[in-house]
Amino acid sequence: MVARQVSPKNTPLTKRPAATTLDGREQQLVALAVDEAERQIRAGTASAQVVTHFLKLGSTREKLEQERIAHENELLVAKREALASQARVEELYSKALGAMRQYSGQDPIGEYDG
């Protein structure tokens, strides 16, 4: 059962146990901060910084910025995969050349020979 508390404004609060991981705990604290900011905005007691922060979050510019960051992350993943693929292709070429040299009766090329 979850213990319930009553805040000074008679709004029920749910008390949950602290998360066991650092990420989970951070998410809990962020959720509490957002809840507090919402309470302040609804009560009309929010500072200009709090209001401005949430106005910026809802702006078209912020949404475009988040989309740009997501695309940059996708590009980085694609570049990393391309580099890994290139390394595999180079290894295959090296093995194929070594096999061709061996089939033609030549000494195989060592790893550090050019």
N, C-alpha and C. Protein backbone atom coordinates (compact mmCIF):
# COMPACT_ATOMS: atom_id res chain seq x y z
N MET A 1 0.83 -1.18 0.00
CA MET A 1 0.00 0.00 0.00
C MET A 1 0.88 1.24 0.00
N VAL A 2 0.45 2.24 -0.69
CA VAL A 2 1.20 3.49 -0.78
C VAL A 2 0.69 4.43 0.30
N ALA A 3 1.61 4.98 1.08
CA ALA A 3 1.23 5.94 2.11
C ALA A 3 0.82 7.24 1.45
N ARG A 4 -0.20 7.88 1.94
CA ARG A 4 -0.66 9.15 1.38
C ARG A 4 -0.50 10.23 2.43
N GLN A 5 -0.04 11.36 1.98
CA GLN A 5 0.09 12.51 2.84
C GLN A 5 -0.81 13.61 2.31
N VAL A 6 -1.06 14.59 3.13
CA VAL A 6 -1.85 15.74 2.70
C VAL A 6 -0.98 16.97 2.81
N SER A 7 -0.88 17.71 1.70
CA SER A 7 -0.06 18.91 1.70
C SER A 7 -0.82 20.03 2.39
N PRO A 8 -0.15 21.13 2.67
CA PRO A 8 -0.82 22.25 3.31
C PRO A 8 -2.04 22.76 2.53
N LYS A 9 -2.08 22.56 1.22
CA LYS A 9 -3.20 23.03 0.41
C LYS A 9 -4.27 21.95 0.28
N ASN A 10 -4.19 20.89 1.11
CA ASN A 10 -5.15 19.79 1.10
C ASN A 10 -5.13 19.00 -0.21
N THR A 11 -4.00 18.98 -0.87
CA THR A 11 -3.83 18.18 -2.07
C THR A 11 -3.14 16.90 -1.66
N PRO A 12 -3.73 15.74 -1.96
CA PRO A 12 -3.09 14.49 -1.56
C PRO A 12 -1.79 14.26 -2.33
N LEU A 13 -0.77 13.83 -1.60
CA LEU A 13 0.52 13.51 -2.20
C LEU A 13 0.76 12.02 -2.04
N THR A 14 1.35 11.41 -3.04
CA THR A 14 1.67 10.00 -2.96
C THR A 14 3.13 9.86 -2.57
N LYS A 15 3.38 9.13 -1.51
CA LYS A 15 4.76 8.90 -1.07
C LYS A 15 5.21 7.57 -1.62
N ARG A 16 6.25 7.62 -2.44
CA ARG A 16 6.78 6.40 -3.04
C ARG A 16 8.19 6.18 -2.52
N PRO A 17 8.60 4.94 -2.45
CA PRO A 17 9.97 4.67 -2.00
C PRO A 17 10.97 5.19 -3.03
N ALA A 18 12.14 5.55 -2.55
CA ALA A 18 13.19 6.05 -3.44
C ALA A 18 13.60 4.95 -4.41
N ALA A 19 13.89 5.35 -5.62
CA ALA A 19 14.32 4.40 -6.64
C ALA A 19 15.65 3.78 -6.23
N THR A 20 15.91 2.59 -6.74
CA THR A 20 17.13 1.89 -6.37
C THR A 20 18.31 2.23 -7.28
N THR A 21 18.02 2.82 -8.43
CA THR A 21 19.11 3.20 -9.33
C THR A 21 19.26 4.72 -9.36
N LEU A 22 20.43 5.17 -9.75
CA LEU A 22 20.69 6.60 -9.84
C LEU A 22 19.79 7.26 -10.88
N ASP A 23 19.62 6.61 -12.03
CA ASP A 23 18.75 7.16 -13.07
C ASP A 23 17.30 7.24 -12.61
N GLY A 24 16.85 6.20 -11.95
CA GLY A 24 15.48 6.19 -11.44
C GLY A 24 15.25 7.29 -10.41
N ARG A 25 16.22 7.47 -9.55
CA ARG A 25 16.12 8.52 -8.53
C ARG A 25 16.08 9.90 -9.19
N GLU A 26 16.92 10.09 -10.19
CA GLU A 26 16.94 11.37 -10.90
C GLU A 26 15.59 11.63 -11.56
N GLN A 27 15.01 10.60 -12.16
CA GLN A 27 13.69 10.76 -12.78
C GLN A 27 12.63 11.12 -11.75
N GLN A 28 12.71 10.51 -10.57
CA GLN A 28 11.75 10.83 -9.51
C GLN A 28 11.88 12.29 -9.09
N LEU A 29 13.10 12.77 -8.92
CA LEU A 29 13.32 14.15 -8.49
C LEU A 29 12.88 15.14 -9.56
N VAL A 30 13.13 14.81 -10.81
CA VAL A 30 12.69 15.68 -11.90
C VAL A 30 11.16 15.74 -11.92
N ALA A 31 10.52 14.60 -11.73
CA ALA A 31 9.05 14.57 -11.70
C ALA A 31 8.51 15.43 -10.56
N LEU A 32 9.16 15.35 -9.41
CA LEU A 32 8.73 16.18 -8.28
C LEU A 32 8.91 17.66 -8.58
N ALA A 33 10.02 18.01 -9.22
CA ALA A 33 10.28 19.41 -9.56
C ALA A 33 9.25 19.92 -10.56
N VAL A 34 8.90 19.10 -11.54
CA VAL A 34 7.89 19.50 -12.52
C VAL A 34 6.53 19.65 -11.83
N ASP A 35 6.21 18.74 -10.93
CA ASP A 35 4.95 18.85 -10.18
C ASP A 35 4.90 20.15 -9.38
N GLU A 36 6.02 20.49 -8.74
CA GLU A 36 6.07 21.72 -7.94
C GLU A 36 5.94 22.94 -8.85
N ALA A 37 6.59 22.92 -10.00
CA ALA A 37 6.48 24.03 -10.94
C ALA A 37 5.04 24.18 -11.41
N GLU A 38 4.39 23.06 -11.69
CA GLU A 38 2.98 23.12 -12.11
C GLU A 38 2.11 23.72 -11.00
N ARG A 39 2.36 23.30 -9.76
CA ARG A 39 1.58 23.82 -8.64
C ARG A 39 1.77 25.34 -8.53
N GLN A 40 3.02 25.79 -8.68
CA GLN A 40 3.30 27.23 -8.60
C GLN A 40 2.63 28.00 -9.73
N ILE A 41 2.68 27.45 -10.93
CA ILE A 41 2.05 28.13 -12.07
C ILE A 41 0.54 28.23 -11.86
N ARG A 42 -0.07 27.14 -11.43
CA ARG A 42 -1.53 27.15 -11.21
C ARG A 42 -1.92 28.12 -10.09
N ALA A 43 -1.05 28.23 -9.08
CA ALA A 43 -1.35 29.11 -7.95
C ALA A 43 -0.98 30.56 -8.25
N GLY A 44 -0.28 30.79 -9.36
CA GLY A 44 0.12 32.15 -9.70
C GLY A 44 1.32 32.64 -8.91
N THR A 45 2.06 31.73 -8.33
CA THR A 45 3.22 32.12 -7.51
C THR A 45 4.55 31.76 -8.17
N ALA A 46 4.51 31.30 -9.42
CA ALA A 46 5.74 30.87 -10.11
C ALA A 46 6.59 32.08 -10.46
N SER A 47 7.89 31.90 -10.37
CA SER A 47 8.81 32.97 -10.73
C SER A 47 8.83 33.12 -12.26
N ALA A 48 9.35 34.24 -12.72
CA ALA A 48 9.45 34.48 -14.15
C ALA A 48 10.33 33.42 -14.81
N GLN A 49 11.36 32.97 -14.09
CA GLN A 49 12.26 31.94 -14.64
C GLN A 49 11.51 30.64 -14.91
N VAL A 50 10.66 30.24 -13.98
CA VAL A 50 9.90 29.00 -14.14
C VAL A 50 8.95 29.11 -15.33
N VAL A 51 8.25 30.21 -15.42
CA VAL A 51 7.30 30.41 -16.52
C VAL A 51 8.04 30.44 -17.85
N THR A 52 9.14 31.17 -17.90
CA THR A 52 9.93 31.26 -19.14
C THR A 52 10.46 29.90 -19.56
N HIS A 53 10.91 29.11 -18.59
CA HIS A 53 11.43 27.78 -18.89
C HIS A 53 10.37 26.94 -19.61
N PHE A 54 9.17 26.92 -19.08
CA PHE A 54 8.12 26.10 -19.67
C PHE A 54 7.60 26.68 -20.98
N LEU A 55 7.63 28.00 -21.11
CA LEU A 55 7.28 28.60 -22.40
C LEU A 55 8.26 28.19 -23.48
N LYS A 56 9.54 28.17 -23.14
CA LYS A 56 10.56 27.76 -24.11
C LYS A 56 10.40 26.29 -24.49
N LEU A 57 10.05 25.44 -23.51
CA LEU A 57 9.88 24.02 -23.80
C LEU A 57 8.77 23.78 -24.82
N GLY A 58 7.76 24.62 -24.80
CA GLY A 58 6.63 24.45 -25.70
C GLY A 58 6.79 25.16 -27.03
N SER A 59 7.89 25.84 -27.25
CA SER A 59 8.05 26.62 -28.46
C SER A 59 8.40 25.74 -29.66
N THR A 60 8.09 26.24 -30.84
CA THR A 60 8.42 25.54 -32.07
C THR A 60 9.93 25.40 -32.21
N ARG A 61 10.64 26.44 -31.82
CA ARG A 61 12.10 26.41 -31.92
C ARG A 61 12.68 25.26 -31.09
N GLU A 62 12.17 25.07 -29.89
CA GLU A 62 12.66 24.00 -29.02
C GLU A 62 12.37 22.64 -29.65
N LYS A 63 11.18 22.49 -30.22
CA LYS A 63 10.83 21.21 -30.86
C LYS A 63 11.75 20.93 -32.04
N LEU A 64 12.04 21.96 -32.83
CA LEU A 64 12.95 21.79 -33.96
C LEU A 64 14.36 21.46 -33.47
N GLU A 65 14.78 22.08 -32.39
CA GLU A 65 16.10 21.82 -31.83
C GLU A 65 16.20 20.37 -31.35
N GLN A 66 15.16 19.88 -30.68
CA GLN A 66 15.14 18.49 -30.22
C GLN A 66 15.18 17.52 -31.41
N GLU A 67 14.45 17.86 -32.47
CA GLU A 67 14.45 17.04 -33.68
C GLU A 67 15.84 17.03 -34.31
N ARG A 68 16.50 18.18 -34.36
CA ARG A 68 17.85 18.27 -34.91
C ARG A 68 18.82 17.41 -34.12
N ILE A 69 18.72 17.45 -32.80
CA ILE A 69 19.59 16.65 -31.95
C ILE A 69 19.35 15.16 -32.19
N ALA A 70 18.09 14.77 -32.33
CA ALA A 70 17.77 13.37 -32.60
C ALA A 70 18.38 12.92 -33.93
N HIS A 71 18.29 13.78 -34.95
CA HIS A 71 18.87 13.44 -36.25
C HIS A 71 20.39 13.36 -36.17
N GLU A 72 21.01 14.23 -35.40
CA GLU A 72 22.47 14.18 -35.23
C GLU A 72 22.88 12.86 -34.57
N ASN A 73 22.09 12.42 -33.59
CA ASN A 73 22.38 11.14 -32.93
C ASN A 73 22.27 9.99 -33.92
N GLU A 74 21.24 10.02 -34.78
CA GLU A 74 21.08 8.99 -35.80
C GLU A 74 22.27 9.00 -36.75
N LEU A 75 22.72 10.19 -37.13
CA LEU A 75 23.87 10.32 -38.03
C LEU A 75 25.13 9.73 -37.39
N LEU A 76 25.34 10.01 -36.11
CA LEU A 76 26.51 9.46 -35.41
C LEU A 76 26.46 7.93 -35.37
N VAL A 77 25.28 7.38 -35.14
CA VAL A 77 25.14 5.92 -35.13
C VAL A 77 25.46 5.36 -36.52
N ALA A 78 24.96 6.02 -37.55
CA ALA A 78 25.22 5.56 -38.92
C ALA A 78 26.71 5.64 -39.25
N LYS A 79 27.37 6.70 -38.82
CA LYS A 79 28.81 6.83 -39.06
C LYS A 79 29.59 5.72 -38.35
N ARG A 80 29.19 5.44 -37.11
CA ARG A 80 29.87 4.39 -36.35
C ARG A 80 29.70 3.04 -37.04
N GLU A 81 28.48 2.77 -37.54
CA GLU A 81 28.22 1.51 -38.24
C GLU A 81 29.01 1.45 -39.54
N ALA A 82 29.13 2.58 -40.25
CA ALA A 82 29.89 2.63 -41.50
C ALA A 82 31.36 2.35 -41.25
N LEU A 83 31.90 2.91 -40.17
CA LEU A 83 33.31 2.66 -39.83
C LEU A 83 33.54 1.19 -39.50
N ALA A 84 32.63 0.60 -38.77
CA ALA A 84 32.76 -0.81 -38.42
C ALA A 84 32.66 -1.67 -39.68
N SER A 85 31.76 -1.32 -40.57
CA SER A 85 31.61 -2.05 -41.82
C SER A 85 32.86 -1.92 -42.67
N GLN A 86 33.41 -0.72 -42.73
CA GLN A 86 34.64 -0.48 -43.50
C GLN A 86 35.78 -1.34 -42.96
N ALA A 87 35.88 -1.45 -41.66
CA ALA A 87 36.93 -2.27 -41.05
C ALA A 87 36.74 -3.73 -41.43
N ARG A 88 35.49 -4.21 -41.44
CA ARG A 88 35.22 -5.60 -41.82
C ARG A 88 35.59 -5.84 -43.29
N VAL A 89 35.26 -4.87 -44.16
CA VAL A 89 35.58 -5.00 -45.59
C VAL A 89 37.09 -5.04 -45.79
N GLU A 90 37.81 -4.17 -45.10
CA GLU A 90 39.27 -4.17 -45.22
C GLU A 90 39.85 -5.50 -44.76
N GLU A 91 39.31 -6.06 -43.72
CA GLU A 91 39.79 -7.36 -43.23
C GLU A 91 39.51 -8.44 -44.25
N LEU A 92 38.33 -8.41 -44.87
CA LEU A 92 38.00 -9.40 -45.90
C LEU A 92 38.92 -9.27 -47.11
N TYR A 93 39.20 -8.04 -47.55
CA TYR A 93 40.12 -7.82 -48.67
C TYR A 93 41.50 -8.37 -48.33
N SER A 94 41.95 -8.11 -47.14
CA SER A 94 43.27 -8.58 -46.72
C SER A 94 43.32 -10.10 -46.75
N LYS A 95 42.28 -10.75 -46.24
CA LYS A 95 42.24 -12.22 -46.25
C LYS A 95 42.17 -12.76 -47.67
N ALA A 96 41.40 -12.09 -48.52
CA ALA A 96 41.27 -12.53 -49.91
C ALA A 96 42.61 -12.41 -50.64
N LEU A 97 43.31 -11.30 -50.44
CA LEU A 97 44.61 -11.12 -51.07
C LEU A 97 45.60 -12.17 -50.58
N GLY A 98 45.57 -12.44 -49.29
CA GLY A 98 46.46 -13.46 -48.73
C GLY A 98 46.16 -14.83 -49.31
N ALA A 99 44.88 -15.14 -49.47
CA ALA A 99 44.49 -16.44 -50.04
C ALA A 99 44.93 -16.53 -51.49
N MET A 100 44.78 -15.43 -52.26
CA MET A 100 45.20 -15.44 -53.66
C MET A 100 46.71 -15.62 -53.78
N ARG A 101 47.46 -14.99 -52.91
CA ARG A 101 48.92 -15.15 -52.94
C ARG A 101 49.29 -16.60 -52.63
N GLN A 102 48.60 -17.17 -51.68
CA GLN A 102 48.90 -18.55 -51.29
C GLN A 102 48.55 -19.51 -52.43
N TYR A 103 47.41 -19.28 -53.10
CA TYR A 103 47.00 -20.14 -54.21
C TYR A 103 47.98 -20.04 -55.38
N SER A 104 48.60 -18.87 -55.57
CA SER A 104 49.53 -18.69 -56.68
C SER A 104 50.92 -19.19 -56.34
N GLY A 105 51.11 -19.71 -55.14
CA GLY A 105 52.39 -20.29 -54.75
C GLY A 105 53.33 -19.30 -54.09
N GLN A 106 52.90 -18.09 -53.84
CA GLN A 106 53.75 -17.10 -53.19
C GLN A 106 53.60 -17.22 -51.67
N ASP A 107 54.56 -16.65 -50.99
CA ASP A 107 54.47 -16.62 -49.53
C ASP A 107 53.33 -15.69 -49.13
N PRO A 108 52.53 -16.08 -48.12
CA PRO A 108 51.46 -15.18 -47.67
C PRO A 108 52.04 -13.91 -47.07
N ILE A 109 51.31 -12.81 -47.22
CA ILE A 109 51.73 -11.53 -46.66
C ILE A 109 51.45 -11.56 -45.17
N GLY A 110 52.44 -11.15 -44.38
CA GLY A 110 52.25 -11.07 -42.95
C GLY A 110 51.39 -9.86 -42.61
N GLU A 111 50.96 -9.76 -41.38
CA GLU A 111 50.09 -8.65 -40.96
C GLU A 111 50.75 -7.31 -41.17
N TYR A 112 52.07 -7.25 -40.96
CA TYR A 112 52.74 -5.96 -40.99
C TYR A 112 53.53 -5.72 -42.27
N ASP A 113 53.41 -6.63 -43.22
CA ASP A 113 54.08 -6.43 -44.51
C ASP A 113 53.20 -5.56 -45.39
N GLY A 114 53.79 -4.83 -46.31
CA GLY A 114 53.01 -3.94 -47.15
C GLY A 114 52.92 -4.47 -48.49
